Protein backbone atom coordinates (compact mmCIF):
# COMPACT_ATOMS: atom_id res chain seq x y z
CA MET A 1 -235.13 -117.69 -116.90
CA SER A 2 -231.84 -118.09 -118.38
CA GLY A 3 -232.54 -115.44 -121.05
CA GLU A 4 -233.60 -112.76 -118.49
CA GLY A 5 -230.65 -113.44 -116.29
CA LYS A 6 -228.37 -113.06 -119.22
CA ARG A 7 -229.84 -109.66 -120.16
CA GLN A 8 -229.34 -108.49 -116.61
CA ASP A 9 -225.74 -109.47 -116.69
CA ASN A 10 -225.20 -107.54 -119.94
CA ALA A 11 -226.86 -104.29 -118.62
CA GLN A 12 -224.49 -101.25 -118.05
CA PRO A 13 -224.19 -99.82 -114.54
CA GLU A 14 -225.56 -96.23 -113.96
CA ARG A 15 -223.10 -93.26 -114.13
CA VAL A 16 -222.37 -91.74 -110.74
CA VAL A 17 -221.36 -87.99 -110.58
CA ILE A 18 -219.62 -86.71 -107.46
CA ARG A 19 -219.89 -82.88 -106.93
CA GLN A 20 -218.77 -80.52 -104.15
CA THR A 21 -221.88 -78.94 -102.71
CA THR A 22 -220.22 -76.46 -100.28
CA ASN A 23 -217.19 -74.17 -100.51
CA PHE A 24 -214.01 -75.33 -99.00
CA GLU A 25 -213.21 -73.69 -95.71
CA PRO A 26 -209.99 -74.21 -93.81
CA ALA A 27 -210.11 -75.23 -90.25
CA LYS A 28 -210.51 -72.26 -87.92
CA GLU A 29 -207.63 -71.57 -85.63
CA LYS A 30 -208.31 -70.81 -82.05
CA MET A 31 -207.82 -67.04 -81.34
CA GLU A 32 -205.82 -66.23 -78.27
CA PRO A 33 -206.98 -63.15 -76.30
CA VAL A 34 -204.71 -60.04 -76.57
CA GLN A 35 -203.20 -59.02 -73.31
CA PRO A 36 -203.59 -55.19 -72.63
CA VAL A 37 -200.45 -53.10 -72.11
CA PRO A 38 -200.04 -52.40 -68.44
CA GLU A 39 -200.42 -48.68 -67.57
CA VAL A 40 -197.34 -47.05 -66.18
CA LYS A 41 -198.07 -44.66 -63.36
CA LEU A 42 -195.67 -41.72 -63.07
CA PRO A 43 -194.82 -40.43 -59.66
CA THR A 44 -196.71 -37.24 -58.81
CA PRO A 45 -194.66 -34.57 -57.03
CA ILE A 46 -196.01 -33.42 -53.74
CA VAL A 47 -196.75 -29.69 -53.74
CA THR A 48 -195.68 -28.04 -50.57
CA GLU A 49 -196.69 -24.55 -49.59
CA GLU A 50 -193.85 -22.04 -49.59
CA VAL A 51 -193.15 -20.49 -46.29
CA LYS A 52 -193.06 -16.72 -46.77
CA GLU A 53 -190.27 -15.01 -44.97
CA GLU A 54 -191.49 -12.10 -42.95
CA ASP A 55 -189.79 -8.79 -43.61
CA PRO A 56 -189.76 -6.67 -40.44
CA LEU A 57 -189.22 -3.47 -42.43
CA LEU A 58 -192.18 -4.20 -44.71
CA ASP A 59 -194.44 -5.01 -41.77
CA SER A 60 -193.45 -1.83 -39.97
CA ALA A 61 -194.09 0.21 -43.15
CA ARG A 62 -197.57 -1.31 -43.50
CA ARG A 63 -198.43 -0.54 -39.90
CA ALA A 64 -197.17 3.04 -40.19
CA PRO A 65 -199.98 5.66 -40.12
CA VAL A 66 -198.47 7.75 -42.96
CA MET A 67 -196.35 6.46 -45.81
CA ALA A 68 -194.88 9.07 -48.17
CA TYR A 69 -192.74 8.29 -51.15
CA SER A 70 -191.74 10.20 -54.27
CA GLY A 71 -188.46 9.12 -55.76
CA GLY A 72 -188.50 5.47 -54.76
CA GLN A 73 -190.64 4.27 -57.64
CA LYS A 74 -188.65 6.23 -60.15
CA ASN A 75 -185.38 4.85 -58.81
CA ALA A 76 -186.80 1.37 -58.71
CA THR A 77 -188.05 1.67 -62.27
CA LEU A 78 -184.69 3.03 -63.37
CA HIS A 79 -182.91 0.21 -61.59
CA ARG A 80 -185.25 -2.34 -63.15
CA ASP A 81 -184.75 -0.84 -66.59
CA THR A 82 -181.00 -0.89 -66.05
CA GLU A 83 -181.10 -4.55 -65.11
CA ASN A 84 -183.36 -5.54 -68.03
CA PRO A 85 -182.98 -2.91 -70.77
CA PRO A 86 -185.49 -3.27 -73.63
CA ILE A 87 -184.29 -4.50 -77.00
CA SER A 88 -185.84 -2.60 -79.90
CA ALA A 89 -186.64 -4.58 -83.02
CA ASP A 90 -185.75 -1.63 -85.23
CA SER A 91 -182.40 -0.97 -83.58
CA ASN A 92 -179.10 -2.74 -84.00
CA PHE A 93 -178.14 -2.18 -80.37
CA VAL A 94 -178.14 -5.26 -78.18
CA PRO A 95 -177.25 -4.73 -74.50
CA PHE A 96 -174.39 -6.69 -73.08
CA ASP A 97 -175.24 -9.29 -70.51
CA GLY A 98 -173.11 -11.95 -68.94
CA SER A 99 -175.72 -14.61 -69.78
CA MET A 100 -175.18 -13.96 -73.51
CA MET A 101 -171.76 -15.53 -73.38
CA GLY A 102 -172.20 -19.08 -74.59
CA PRO A 103 -175.03 -20.62 -76.67
CA ASN A 104 -177.04 -17.35 -76.74
CA THR A 105 -174.28 -15.48 -78.58
CA ALA A 106 -175.50 -16.87 -81.91
CA ASN A 107 -179.03 -15.58 -81.24
CA VAL A 108 -177.69 -12.12 -80.43
CA ASP A 109 -175.67 -12.04 -83.65
CA GLU A 110 -178.72 -13.17 -85.60
CA GLN A 111 -180.86 -10.41 -84.10
CA ARG A 112 -178.22 -7.81 -84.94
CA PHE A 113 -177.94 -9.12 -88.50
CA ASN A 114 -181.73 -9.08 -88.92
CA GLY A 115 -181.74 -5.46 -87.79
CA LEU A 116 -179.18 -4.58 -90.46
CA LEU A 117 -181.41 -6.09 -93.14
CA ARG A 118 -184.35 -3.84 -92.30
CA PRO A 119 -184.38 -0.68 -94.45
CA THR A 120 -185.47 2.69 -93.13
CA ARG A 121 -189.01 3.52 -94.20
CA LEU A 122 -189.45 7.13 -95.23
CA GLU A 123 -192.95 8.47 -95.73
CA GLY A 124 -193.44 10.72 -98.72
CA SER A 125 -194.98 14.18 -98.62
CA ARG A 126 -197.78 15.27 -100.89
CA ALA A 127 -197.66 18.80 -102.25
CA GLY A 128 -200.72 21.01 -102.06
CA THR A 129 -201.85 24.49 -102.94
CA LEU A 130 -201.98 27.41 -100.55
CA GLY A 131 -205.29 28.60 -101.93
CA ASN A 132 -206.13 32.08 -103.12
CA ARG A 133 -203.00 34.00 -102.20
CA ASN A 134 -204.86 37.29 -102.44
CA PHE A 135 -206.53 36.53 -99.09
CA ILE A 136 -203.78 34.71 -97.17
CA VAL A 137 -201.06 35.88 -94.81
CA ALA A 138 -198.66 32.94 -94.94
CA MET A 139 -197.03 31.24 -91.99
CA GLY A 140 -193.63 32.69 -91.14
CA THR A 141 -194.54 36.31 -91.87
CA SER A 142 -192.98 38.78 -89.42
CA ILE A 143 -195.21 41.74 -88.53
CA PRO A 144 -193.73 44.69 -86.57
CA CYS A 145 -195.86 46.04 -83.74
CA VAL A 146 -195.50 48.90 -81.23
CA LEU A 147 -196.36 48.18 -77.59
CA GLU A 148 -199.28 50.08 -76.10
CA THR A 149 -198.74 48.78 -72.56
CA ALA A 150 -195.65 48.16 -70.47
CA LEU A 151 -194.63 44.66 -69.36
CA ALA A 152 -193.53 43.44 -65.93
CA SER A 153 -192.91 39.75 -65.32
CA ASP A 154 -193.79 39.82 -61.60
CA GLN A 155 -197.40 38.84 -62.38
CA PRO A 156 -199.06 37.28 -65.45
CA GLY A 157 -201.23 39.62 -67.48
CA PHE A 158 -202.35 40.92 -70.86
CA THR A 159 -200.70 43.33 -73.25
CA SER A 160 -201.50 45.02 -76.56
CA CYS A 161 -199.65 46.52 -79.48
CA VAL A 162 -200.49 48.41 -82.68
CA ILE A 163 -199.26 47.43 -86.16
CA ASN A 164 -197.50 50.45 -87.66
CA ARG A 165 -197.77 49.47 -91.36
CA ASP A 166 -200.14 47.73 -93.77
CA VAL A 167 -199.93 43.94 -93.85
CA LEU A 168 -200.17 42.64 -97.42
CA SER A 169 -201.31 39.28 -98.73
CA ASP A 170 -198.90 36.51 -99.65
CA ASN A 171 -198.59 37.78 -103.23
CA GLY A 172 -198.26 41.40 -102.10
CA ARG A 173 -201.32 42.66 -104.00
CA VAL A 174 -204.02 43.12 -101.35
CA VAL A 175 -203.94 44.92 -98.00
CA LEU A 176 -205.45 42.49 -95.49
CA MET A 177 -204.62 44.23 -92.18
CA GLU A 178 -204.45 47.99 -92.32
CA LYS A 179 -202.08 50.22 -90.45
CA GLY A 180 -203.41 50.74 -86.93
CA THR A 181 -204.55 47.14 -86.39
CA GLN A 182 -204.60 46.35 -82.67
CA VAL A 183 -203.19 43.03 -81.45
CA LEU A 184 -204.01 41.57 -78.02
CA GLY A 185 -201.65 39.17 -76.26
CA GLU A 186 -200.81 37.63 -72.90
CA TYR A 187 -197.77 36.65 -70.87
CA ARG A 188 -197.50 34.16 -68.00
CA GLY A 189 -194.70 35.77 -65.99
CA GLY A 190 -192.51 33.70 -63.71
CA LEU A 191 -189.09 34.62 -65.08
CA GLN A 192 -186.45 32.15 -63.87
CA ARG A 193 -183.05 33.17 -62.54
CA GLY A 194 -180.63 33.51 -65.45
CA GLN A 195 -183.33 34.22 -68.06
CA LYS A 196 -183.37 37.55 -69.89
CA ARG A 197 -186.38 37.15 -72.20
CA LEU A 198 -190.11 36.94 -71.50
CA PHE A 199 -192.42 34.76 -73.60
CA VAL A 200 -195.47 36.61 -74.97
CA LEU A 201 -198.29 35.02 -76.98
CA TRP A 202 -200.39 37.17 -79.33
CA ASN A 203 -203.98 35.95 -79.38
CA ARG A 204 -206.08 38.14 -81.69
CA ALA A 205 -205.84 41.01 -84.18
CA LYS A 206 -208.58 43.59 -84.84
CA THR A 207 -208.40 45.82 -87.92
CA PRO A 208 -209.77 49.40 -88.01
CA ASN A 209 -212.66 48.07 -90.15
CA GLY A 210 -213.73 45.66 -87.41
CA VAL A 211 -212.30 42.46 -88.90
CA ILE A 212 -210.91 40.10 -86.25
CA VAL A 213 -208.64 37.13 -86.82
CA PRO A 214 -207.13 34.71 -84.25
CA LEU A 215 -203.33 34.62 -84.32
CA ALA A 216 -202.01 32.27 -81.59
CA SER A 217 -198.49 33.37 -82.55
CA PRO A 218 -195.44 34.14 -80.36
CA ALA A 219 -193.70 37.46 -79.96
CA THR A 220 -190.15 37.91 -81.21
CA ASP A 221 -187.62 40.69 -81.50
CA ALA A 222 -186.49 42.35 -84.72
CA LEU A 223 -184.08 39.46 -85.42
CA GLY A 224 -186.67 36.75 -84.85
CA ARG A 225 -185.51 35.56 -81.42
CA ALA A 226 -188.37 34.18 -79.33
CA GLY A 227 -189.62 36.32 -76.47
CA VAL A 228 -189.10 39.99 -75.68
CA ASP A 229 -186.10 41.47 -73.94
CA GLY A 230 -185.90 44.37 -71.52
CA TYR A 231 -184.33 45.57 -68.31
CA VAL A 232 -183.87 42.70 -65.85
CA ASP A 233 -183.99 43.61 -62.16
CA THR A 234 -182.22 40.90 -60.15
CA HIS A 235 -183.30 42.38 -56.75
CA TRP A 236 -179.76 42.14 -55.47
CA TRP A 237 -180.27 44.46 -52.49
CA GLU A 238 -183.52 42.75 -51.49
CA ARG A 239 -181.81 39.36 -51.61
CA PHE A 240 -178.53 40.17 -49.87
CA GLY A 241 -179.02 43.59 -48.23
CA SER A 242 -180.61 42.29 -45.04
CA ALA A 243 -177.95 39.58 -44.76
CA LEU A 244 -175.16 42.16 -45.11
CA LEU A 245 -176.78 44.40 -42.53
CA LEU A 246 -177.13 41.54 -40.08
CA SER A 247 -173.52 40.50 -40.78
CA ILE A 248 -172.36 43.99 -39.84
CA VAL A 249 -174.44 43.78 -36.69
CA GLY A 250 -172.88 40.39 -35.98
CA ASP A 251 -169.37 41.76 -36.37
CA ALA A 252 -170.19 44.57 -33.99
CA THR A 253 -171.61 42.04 -31.54
CA SER A 254 -168.45 39.91 -31.79
CA TYR A 255 -166.29 42.95 -31.16
CA ALA A 256 -168.40 43.84 -28.14
CA ASN A 257 -168.21 40.24 -26.95
CA SER A 258 -164.41 40.26 -27.13
CA ARG A 259 -164.31 43.43 -25.08
CA LEU A 260 -166.75 42.02 -22.55
CA GLN A 261 -164.69 38.86 -22.13
CA ASP A 262 -161.91 41.00 -20.68
CA SER A 263 -164.34 42.07 -17.99
CA ASP A 264 -165.52 38.48 -17.31
CA VAL A 265 -168.97 39.02 -18.95
CA ASP A 266 -170.36 36.18 -21.14
CA ALA A 267 -172.19 37.43 -24.30
CA GLN A 268 -172.00 34.25 -26.39
CA ASN A 269 -175.80 33.94 -26.70
CA THR A 270 -176.06 37.40 -28.26
CA THR A 271 -173.46 36.52 -30.91
CA SER A 272 -175.13 33.22 -31.86
CA ALA A 273 -178.54 34.91 -32.06
CA GLY A 274 -177.20 37.44 -34.57
CA GLN A 275 -175.77 34.68 -36.77
CA GLN A 276 -179.05 32.75 -36.74
CA ALA A 277 -180.99 35.88 -37.70
CA ALA A 278 -178.67 36.49 -40.66
CA ALA A 279 -179.11 32.89 -41.86
CA ILE A 280 -182.91 33.15 -41.66
CA ALA A 281 -182.92 36.44 -43.58
CA VAL A 282 -180.79 35.00 -46.39
CA GLU A 283 -182.95 31.87 -46.60
CA GLN A 284 -186.17 33.87 -46.97
CA SER A 285 -184.88 36.36 -49.53
CA ILE A 286 -182.51 34.27 -51.66
CA ASN A 287 -185.35 32.84 -53.83
CA ILE A 288 -186.73 36.17 -55.04
CA PRO A 289 -187.05 35.76 -58.86
CA PRO A 290 -185.76 38.46 -61.22
CA THR A 291 -188.18 40.89 -62.87
CA LEU A 292 -188.14 41.89 -66.56
CA ASN A 293 -189.48 45.35 -67.39
CA LYS A 294 -190.45 46.36 -70.92
CA HIS A 295 -191.55 49.95 -71.55
CA GLN A 296 -194.50 50.99 -73.69
CA GLY A 297 -193.72 52.37 -77.14
CA GLU A 298 -190.94 49.85 -77.82
CA LEU A 299 -190.99 47.83 -81.03
CA VAL A 300 -191.66 44.08 -81.00
CA SER A 301 -192.56 41.61 -83.75
CA ILE A 302 -195.28 39.03 -84.33
CA PHE A 303 -194.13 35.75 -85.88
CA VAL A 304 -197.19 34.34 -87.69
CA ALA A 305 -197.35 30.66 -86.70
CA ARG A 306 -200.21 29.64 -89.03
CA ASP A 307 -201.76 30.67 -92.32
CA LEU A 308 -204.31 33.47 -91.87
CA ASP A 309 -207.19 33.17 -94.37
CA PHE A 310 -209.34 36.26 -95.04
CA SER A 311 -211.36 34.73 -97.90
CA GLY A 312 -214.48 34.54 -95.75
CA VAL A 313 -214.36 38.30 -95.05
CA TYR A 314 -213.04 40.02 -98.17
CA ARG A 315 -213.77 39.73 -101.88
CA LEU A 316 -212.12 41.39 -104.89
CA ARG A 317 -213.69 43.26 -107.79
CA ALA A 318 -212.30 45.04 -110.83
CA THR A 319 -212.65 48.84 -110.58
CA GLU A 320 -210.51 49.90 -113.56
CA PRO A 321 -210.42 48.54 -117.11
CA ARG A 322 -207.35 46.63 -118.15
CA ASN A 323 -206.50 49.02 -120.97
CA LYS A 324 -206.25 51.92 -118.54
CA VAL A 325 -204.00 49.89 -116.30
CA LEU A 326 -201.75 49.09 -119.28
CA ASP A 327 -201.69 52.72 -120.37
CA ARG A 328 -200.62 53.87 -116.93
CA ALA A 329 -197.99 51.13 -116.82
CA VAL A 330 -196.53 52.29 -120.13
CA LEU A 331 -196.44 55.89 -118.96
CA GLY A 332 -194.94 54.91 -115.61
CA ASP A 333 -197.93 56.16 -113.62
CA PHE A 334 -198.02 53.73 -110.70
CA GLY A 335 -199.67 56.06 -108.20
CA PRO A 336 -202.87 54.86 -106.49
CA ARG A 337 -206.22 56.12 -107.71
CA SER A 338 -208.64 57.60 -105.22
CA THR A 339 -211.47 55.56 -106.78
CA LEU A 340 -209.54 52.29 -106.65
CA VAL A 341 -211.03 49.69 -104.29
CA THR A 342 -208.83 46.73 -103.53
CA LYS A 343 -211.26 44.66 -101.52
């Protein structure tokens, strides 16, 4: 017994290991709820209906059965444009306004400076060819023509003339419109007081061979001035003759009235009636327009306003060998040959 108890006393105690089985976590703090930001309500303005002021003139104009106007809108537009003139972006001009004095002056100066920095853009022109000059009457050619019919500007009408020489091509080698070509034109009439020339437009030309070509070119004189001149009848006697006659009658009536006043006879109504008749006669005849008269056989000109192309009608062919042409040139024989065909 004593030996067993002694071995128990000498026995070593068991080794105890202490381990952490869970992760360390700090104590959780109590979360306080977040208070929301109170919404601020802005005051809303109260919209009140505008009370329209009644315009008695506008109401009376609306109730009127007929409303005519012609120059009001134009004047109003002009007045509105004068008050607010437009400012062009490409121009350096800035209109003066009293509101520009102050902070806006810098903006005006900046706009003007920006306009100075913009260069002028010039578009180039591309050159081209006129085509076969043997068949073209170029723009700007002046063609003399003799009138077949007389002109009177009282009424619009038609007129015609005859070309008195051959019209050559642009290079001067080919006859395109022969002598005797007839040209048809028109004039609108309505000569205004103070004018001394009548505008005539030539529409079409017809050659003796039956070739027609549209012209759409104006008539000029020998110096190239637009229109045709002539004798201008101002109708002076028709305009003032009746007024002068009535004035003479009025003077005679006044003289008779002065003689009748001596005999205590009143003739004032007769005198006033004569003056009114003279005024009416002048009013009816003062607007008679002048009349331009142009006699037949006079010379006018046609200013070609576009290129006339005859390539669709004519064609050229060689009718004489080149060596013969050179031989005649050396000998100075430039006369036309009866067998030569130019087109």
